[in-house]
């Protein structure tokens, strides 16, 4: 296990794999998840890229201070991990909350970003999502993460996948999210505290950008991704048929292919107008 310590004393756990001469690929996961969120990408991405995945503060094997947390600080955490892994810049792939962190990195540190992939994420708050996150915080703190996952997994997985795993949901729920309630709540509150003004800065992103979303994502629906693609110059939007919010796990083959295609074509990607397609 590798660790790096932040300026405010938080120890962050990270893992590195893939060919030592591969281009660096920084993987930034979502709310409540840890590096295991990338298990379905490990072999595919690791075959060609030097992958760096880490546990955000509050989850996994990283320190879990009480908070409050700040997404701007967590974005700097990601860059600190990149430094510790020995890279000045990387392709950055972020999902959900990790997609917000990736947006911040793209705006605040463009020289560190070779390309961006923003998956199942958004750039601003919506009233119903604010209410939902507040409910999630209350459930996590009052009833624990097992109850939270069991009662809210429908927001994360598509109906077909959910029907397949539902008989095991009660057993699996406590294992899905490796985070204590206070860590989860602190991350969720950081999302709620994020200023929507960052959305107005997305036009400054210079990295070739892929925005992707599952067609059945109800937590960050395709409208969020359409807005991202419109705000980021030259961004390409890819909608993955049948995918829900956990698209990188449910539809890993398609997700991995779409990201590989983006990375393969990044040098030639147009920068003057947005594109869209369906996978």
Protein backbone atom coordinates (compact mmCIF):
# COMPACT_ATOMS: atom_id res chain seq x y z
CA UNK A 1 0.00 0.00 0.00
CA UNK A 2 1.22 3.51 -0.83
CA UNK A 3 0.30 6.64 1.10
CA UNK A 4 0.81 10.37 0.87
CA UNK A 5 0.01 12.98 3.52
CA UNK A 6 -1.75 16.25 2.75
CA UNK A 7 -0.81 19.67 4.14
CA UNK A 8 -3.63 19.38 6.68
CA UNK A 9 -2.36 16.03 7.91
CA UNK A 10 -4.74 13.62 6.14
CA UNK A 11 -3.12 10.39 4.98
CA UNK A 12 -4.36 9.29 1.55
CA UNK A 13 -4.09 5.73 0.27
CA UNK A 14 -3.43 5.12 -3.42
CA UNK A 15 -2.57 2.27 -5.77
CA UNK A 16 -0.60 2.24 -9.02
CA UNK A 17 -0.65 -0.46 -11.69
CA UNK A 18 -0.06 -0.94 -15.39
CA UNK A 19 3.09 -0.60 -17.51
CA UNK A 20 5.70 1.72 -16.04
CA UNK A 21 6.08 3.46 -19.41
CA UNK A 22 2.32 3.81 -20.00
CA UNK A 23 0.70 7.22 -20.06
CA UNK A 24 -0.63 8.10 -16.59
CA UNK A 25 -4.36 7.72 -16.01
CA UNK A 26 -5.79 9.19 -12.81
CA UNK A 27 -9.05 7.56 -11.68
CA UNK A 28 -11.30 9.56 -9.34
CA UNK A 29 -14.30 7.75 -7.88
CA UNK A 30 -17.62 8.93 -6.50
CA UNK A 31 -19.43 9.57 -3.24
CA UNK A 32 -18.78 6.95 -0.58
CA UNK A 33 -16.76 4.65 -2.86
CA UNK A 34 -13.06 3.79 -2.72
CA UNK A 35 -10.49 2.50 -5.22
CA UNK A 36 -12.45 -0.76 -5.56
CA UNK A 37 -14.97 1.16 -7.67
CA UNK A 38 -12.51 0.65 -10.56
CA UNK A 39 -12.27 -3.12 -10.31
CA UNK A 40 -13.99 -3.59 -13.69
CA UNK A 41 -11.49 -1.20 -15.30
CA UNK A 42 -8.36 -2.56 -13.66
CA UNK A 43 -7.33 -5.05 -16.34
CA UNK A 44 -8.63 -3.09 -19.34
CA UNK A 45 -7.06 0.26 -18.47
CA UNK A 46 -4.00 -1.32 -16.86
CA UNK A 47 -3.07 -3.11 -20.07
CA UNK A 48 -1.98 0.16 -21.65
CA UNK A 49 -1.95 2.92 -19.06
CA UNK A 50 -0.15 3.62 -15.82
CA UNK A 51 -3.23 3.76 -13.61
CA UNK A 52 -3.42 5.71 -10.36
CA UNK A 53 -6.47 5.15 -8.15
CA UNK A 54 -6.88 6.47 -4.62
CA UNK A 55 -9.27 6.61 -1.71
CA UNK A 56 -10.69 10.08 -1.15
CA UNK A 57 -10.48 11.40 2.38
CA UNK A 58 -13.25 9.77 4.40
CA UNK A 59 -13.28 6.36 2.69
CA UNK A 60 -11.35 3.12 2.24
CA UNK A 61 -7.84 3.05 3.65
CA UNK A 62 -7.43 6.83 3.68
CA UNK A 63 -7.89 8.83 6.87
CA UNK A 64 -11.46 9.68 7.79
CA UNK A 65 -11.51 13.00 9.66
CA UNK A 66 -14.80 14.28 10.97
CA UNK A 67 -14.95 17.14 8.51
CA UNK A 68 -16.10 19.45 7.14
CA UNK A 69 -14.74 18.46 3.74
CA UNK A 70 -14.32 20.73 0.73
CA UNK A 71 -14.38 19.59 -2.91
CA UNK A 72 -11.71 22.14 -3.84
CA UNK A 73 -9.45 20.59 -1.20
CA UNK A 74 -10.33 17.08 -2.38
CA UNK A 75 -9.39 18.05 -5.94
CA UNK A 76 -6.00 19.16 -4.60
CA UNK A 77 -5.79 15.79 -2.81
CA UNK A 78 -6.06 14.10 -6.21
CA UNK A 79 -3.22 16.18 -7.61
CA UNK A 80 -1.10 15.42 -4.54
CA UNK A 81 -1.60 11.71 -5.25
CA UNK A 82 -0.55 12.31 -8.85
CA UNK A 83 2.60 14.02 -7.57
CA UNK A 84 3.31 11.13 -5.21
CA UNK A 85 2.97 8.69 -8.11
CA UNK A 86 5.63 10.70 -9.96
CA UNK A 87 3.60 12.38 -12.71
CA UNK A 88 3.27 16.02 -13.70
CA UNK A 89 0.10 15.40 -15.72
CA UNK A 90 -2.35 12.63 -16.56
CA UNK A 91 -5.51 11.68 -18.35
CA UNK A 92 -8.20 12.16 -15.71
CA UNK A 93 -11.33 9.98 -15.46
CA UNK A 94 -13.90 10.97 -12.84
CA UNK A 95 -17.26 9.40 -12.06
CA UNK A 96 -20.12 11.02 -10.15
CA UNK A 97 -18.57 13.12 -7.34
CA UNK A 98 -15.23 12.22 -8.90
CA UNK A 99 -16.50 13.87 -12.06
CA UNK A 100 -17.00 17.10 -10.12
CA UNK A 101 -13.46 16.82 -8.75
CA UNK A 102 -12.21 16.23 -12.30
CA UNK A 103 -14.02 19.37 -13.46
CA UNK A 104 -12.33 21.38 -10.72
CA UNK A 105 -8.94 19.97 -11.72
CA UNK A 106 -9.63 20.84 -15.35
CA UNK A 107 -10.45 24.43 -14.42
CA UNK A 108 -7.88 25.04 -11.68
CA UNK A 109 -4.90 23.09 -13.05
CA UNK A 110 -5.26 22.74 -16.83
CA UNK A 111 -1.55 22.05 -17.23
CA UNK A 112 -1.97 18.83 -15.23
CA UNK A 113 -4.69 17.39 -17.48
CA UNK A 114 -3.96 15.57 -20.75
CA UNK A 115 -7.63 14.71 -21.26
CA UNK A 116 -10.83 14.57 -19.22
CA UNK A 117 -13.52 11.91 -18.97
CA UNK A 118 -16.55 12.99 -16.97
CA UNK A 119 -18.96 10.13 -16.30
CA UNK A 120 -22.42 10.19 -14.69
CA UNK A 121 -21.86 13.62 -13.17
CA UNK A 122 -23.17 17.19 -13.14
CA UNK A 123 -21.89 20.75 -12.91
CA UNK A 124 -24.55 22.36 -10.73
CA UNK A 125 -27.14 21.68 -8.09
CA UNK A 126 -30.79 20.91 -8.76
CA UNK A 127 -33.36 21.40 -5.97
CA UNK A 128 -34.54 17.77 -5.99
CA UNK A 129 -30.96 16.48 -5.83
CA UNK A 130 -30.19 18.77 -2.91
CA UNK A 131 -33.17 17.32 -1.06
CA UNK A 132 -32.10 13.79 -1.93
CA UNK A 133 -28.53 14.29 -0.66
CA UNK A 134 -29.87 15.80 2.56
CA UNK A 135 -32.05 12.70 3.01
CA UNK A 136 -29.07 10.44 2.34
CA UNK A 137 -27.04 12.22 5.01
CA UNK A 138 -29.85 11.81 7.54
CA UNK A 139 -30.27 8.09 6.80
CA UNK A 140 -26.54 7.38 6.88
CA UNK A 141 -26.04 9.15 10.18
CA UNK A 142 -29.16 7.81 11.88
CA UNK A 143 -29.40 4.26 10.50
CA UNK A 144 -25.98 3.40 9.07
CA UNK A 145 -24.53 2.69 5.66
CA UNK A 146 -26.08 -0.77 5.29
CA UNK A 147 -29.59 0.66 5.50
CA UNK A 148 -28.62 3.55 3.25
CA UNK A 149 -27.36 1.31 0.45
CA UNK A 150 -30.24 -1.14 0.75
CA UNK A 151 -32.86 1.63 0.59
CA UNK A 152 -31.21 3.76 -2.08
CA UNK A 153 -29.52 1.33 -4.44
CA UNK A 154 -32.28 2.00 -7.00
CA UNK A 155 -30.66 5.42 -7.59
CA UNK A 156 -27.41 3.73 -8.53
CA UNK A 157 -28.32 0.64 -10.57
CA UNK A 158 -30.63 0.06 -13.51
CA UNK A 159 -33.82 -1.98 -13.00
CA UNK A 160 -32.55 -5.05 -14.84
CA UNK A 161 -29.35 -5.24 -12.79
CA UNK A 162 -31.28 -4.49 -9.63
CA UNK A 163 -33.65 -7.40 -10.23
CA UNK A 164 -30.66 -9.72 -10.58
CA UNK A 165 -28.96 -8.70 -7.34
CA UNK A 166 -31.96 -7.87 -5.16
CA UNK A 167 -32.10 -11.29 -3.40
CA UNK A 168 -28.55 -10.60 -2.18
CA UNK A 169 -29.03 -6.90 -1.44
CA UNK A 170 -29.44 -7.27 2.31
CA UNK A 171 -26.20 -9.25 2.51
CA UNK A 172 -24.25 -7.08 0.07
CA UNK A 173 -25.39 -3.66 1.25
CA UNK A 174 -22.90 -3.30 4.14
CA UNK A 175 -20.07 -4.36 1.81
CA UNK A 176 -20.81 -2.04 -1.10
CA UNK A 177 -19.67 1.19 0.51
CA UNK A 178 -16.45 1.05 2.55
CA UNK A 179 -17.11 4.28 4.41
CA UNK A 180 -18.23 5.19 7.94
CA UNK A 181 -21.39 7.28 8.18
CA UNK A 182 -19.48 10.41 9.18
CA UNK A 183 -17.16 10.11 6.16
CA UNK A 184 -20.07 9.64 3.78
CA UNK A 185 -21.97 12.55 5.34
CA UNK A 186 -18.92 14.82 5.16
CA UNK A 187 -18.46 14.05 1.45
CA UNK A 188 -22.16 14.60 0.74
CA UNK A 189 -22.12 17.91 2.63
CA UNK A 190 -19.08 18.96 0.58
CA UNK A 191 -21.10 18.35 -2.59
CA UNK A 192 -23.97 20.43 -1.19
CA UNK A 193 -21.57 23.23 -0.27
CA UNK A 194 -20.02 23.39 -3.74
CA UNK A 195 -20.62 26.73 -5.44
CA UNK A 196 -22.53 26.49 -8.72
CA UNK A 197 -20.32 29.28 -10.02
CA UNK A 198 -17.77 26.64 -11.02
CA UNK A 199 -20.14 25.71 -13.86
CA UNK A 200 -19.51 29.12 -15.40
CA UNK A 201 -15.76 28.40 -15.45
CA UNK A 202 -16.05 25.20 -17.51
CA UNK A 203 -15.61 27.15 -20.73
CA UNK A 204 -11.99 27.61 -19.65
CA UNK A 205 -11.26 23.88 -19.84
CA UNK A 206 -8.72 23.23 -22.57
CA UNK A 207 -8.29 19.45 -22.28
CA UNK A 208 -10.05 17.20 -24.81
CA UNK A 209 -13.13 16.09 -22.92
CA UNK A 210 -15.45 13.10 -23.06
CA UNK A 211 -18.78 13.31 -21.22
CA UNK A 212 -20.59 10.01 -20.82
CA UNK A 213 -23.80 8.94 -19.08
CA UNK A 214 -26.07 5.92 -18.94
CA UNK A 215 -29.43 6.27 -20.65
CA UNK A 216 -31.16 5.01 -17.46
CA UNK A 217 -29.25 7.18 -14.98
CA UNK A 218 -31.84 8.82 -12.74
CA UNK A 219 -29.40 10.43 -10.29
CA UNK A 220 -27.45 12.46 -12.86
CA UNK A 221 -29.71 12.18 -15.93
CA UNK A 222 -28.55 12.86 -19.45
CA UNK A 223 -29.64 16.51 -19.14
CA UNK A 224 -26.74 17.07 -16.74
CA UNK A 225 -24.32 15.60 -19.26
CA UNK A 226 -25.82 17.60 -22.10
CA UNK A 227 -25.17 20.76 -20.10
CA UNK A 228 -21.58 19.71 -19.41
CA UNK A 229 -20.96 18.99 -23.09
CA UNK A 230 -22.40 22.35 -24.05
CA UNK A 231 -20.32 24.26 -21.51
CA UNK A 232 -16.96 22.59 -22.23
CA UNK A 233 -15.42 23.57 -25.58
CA UNK A 234 -15.19 20.67 -28.00
CA UNK A 235 -16.58 18.11 -25.56
CA UNK A 236 -17.99 14.87 -26.94
CA UNK A 237 -21.10 13.35 -25.36
CA UNK A 238 -21.61 9.58 -25.41
CA UNK A 239 -24.80 8.04 -24.04
CA UNK A 240 -24.44 4.39 -23.01
CA UNK A 241 -27.66 2.48 -23.70
CA UNK A 242 -29.17 0.78 -20.67
CA UNK A 243 -26.61 2.19 -18.24
CA UNK A 244 -27.57 3.66 -14.89
CA UNK A 245 -25.48 5.67 -12.44
CA UNK A 246 -23.00 2.82 -11.83
CA UNK A 247 -22.42 2.54 -15.56
CA UNK A 248 -18.71 1.73 -15.21
CA UNK A 249 -19.66 -1.44 -13.30
CA UNK A 250 -22.99 -2.42 -14.91
CA UNK A 251 -21.82 -1.83 -18.48
CA UNK A 252 -18.07 -2.08 -17.96
CA UNK A 253 -17.32 -3.42 -21.42
CA UNK A 254 -19.02 -0.51 -23.17
CA UNK A 255 -17.69 2.05 -20.70
CA UNK A 256 -14.14 0.79 -21.09
CA UNK A 257 -14.40 0.79 -24.88
CA UNK A 258 -15.76 4.34 -24.96
CA UNK A 259 -12.97 5.62 -22.70
CA UNK A 260 -10.31 3.79 -24.72
CA UNK A 261 -11.67 5.31 -27.93
CA UNK A 262 -11.54 8.76 -26.36
CA UNK A 263 -7.95 8.25 -25.24
CA UNK A 264 -6.96 6.80 -28.63
CA UNK A 265 -8.40 9.77 -30.50
CA UNK A 266 -7.59 12.53 -28.03
CA UNK A 267 -4.88 14.13 -30.18
CA UNK A 268 -7.22 14.42 -33.16
CA UNK A 269 -10.39 15.37 -31.30
CA UNK A 270 -11.97 18.57 -32.67
CA UNK A 271 -12.04 21.56 -30.34
CA UNK A 272 -14.49 23.89 -32.02
CA UNK A 273 -17.87 22.25 -31.47
CA UNK A 274 -19.57 19.65 -29.30
CA UNK A 275 -20.45 16.23 -30.66
CA UNK A 276 -22.72 13.48 -29.42
CA UNK A 277 -23.30 9.80 -30.08
CA UNK A 278 -24.80 6.72 -28.50
CA UNK A 279 -22.88 3.62 -27.47
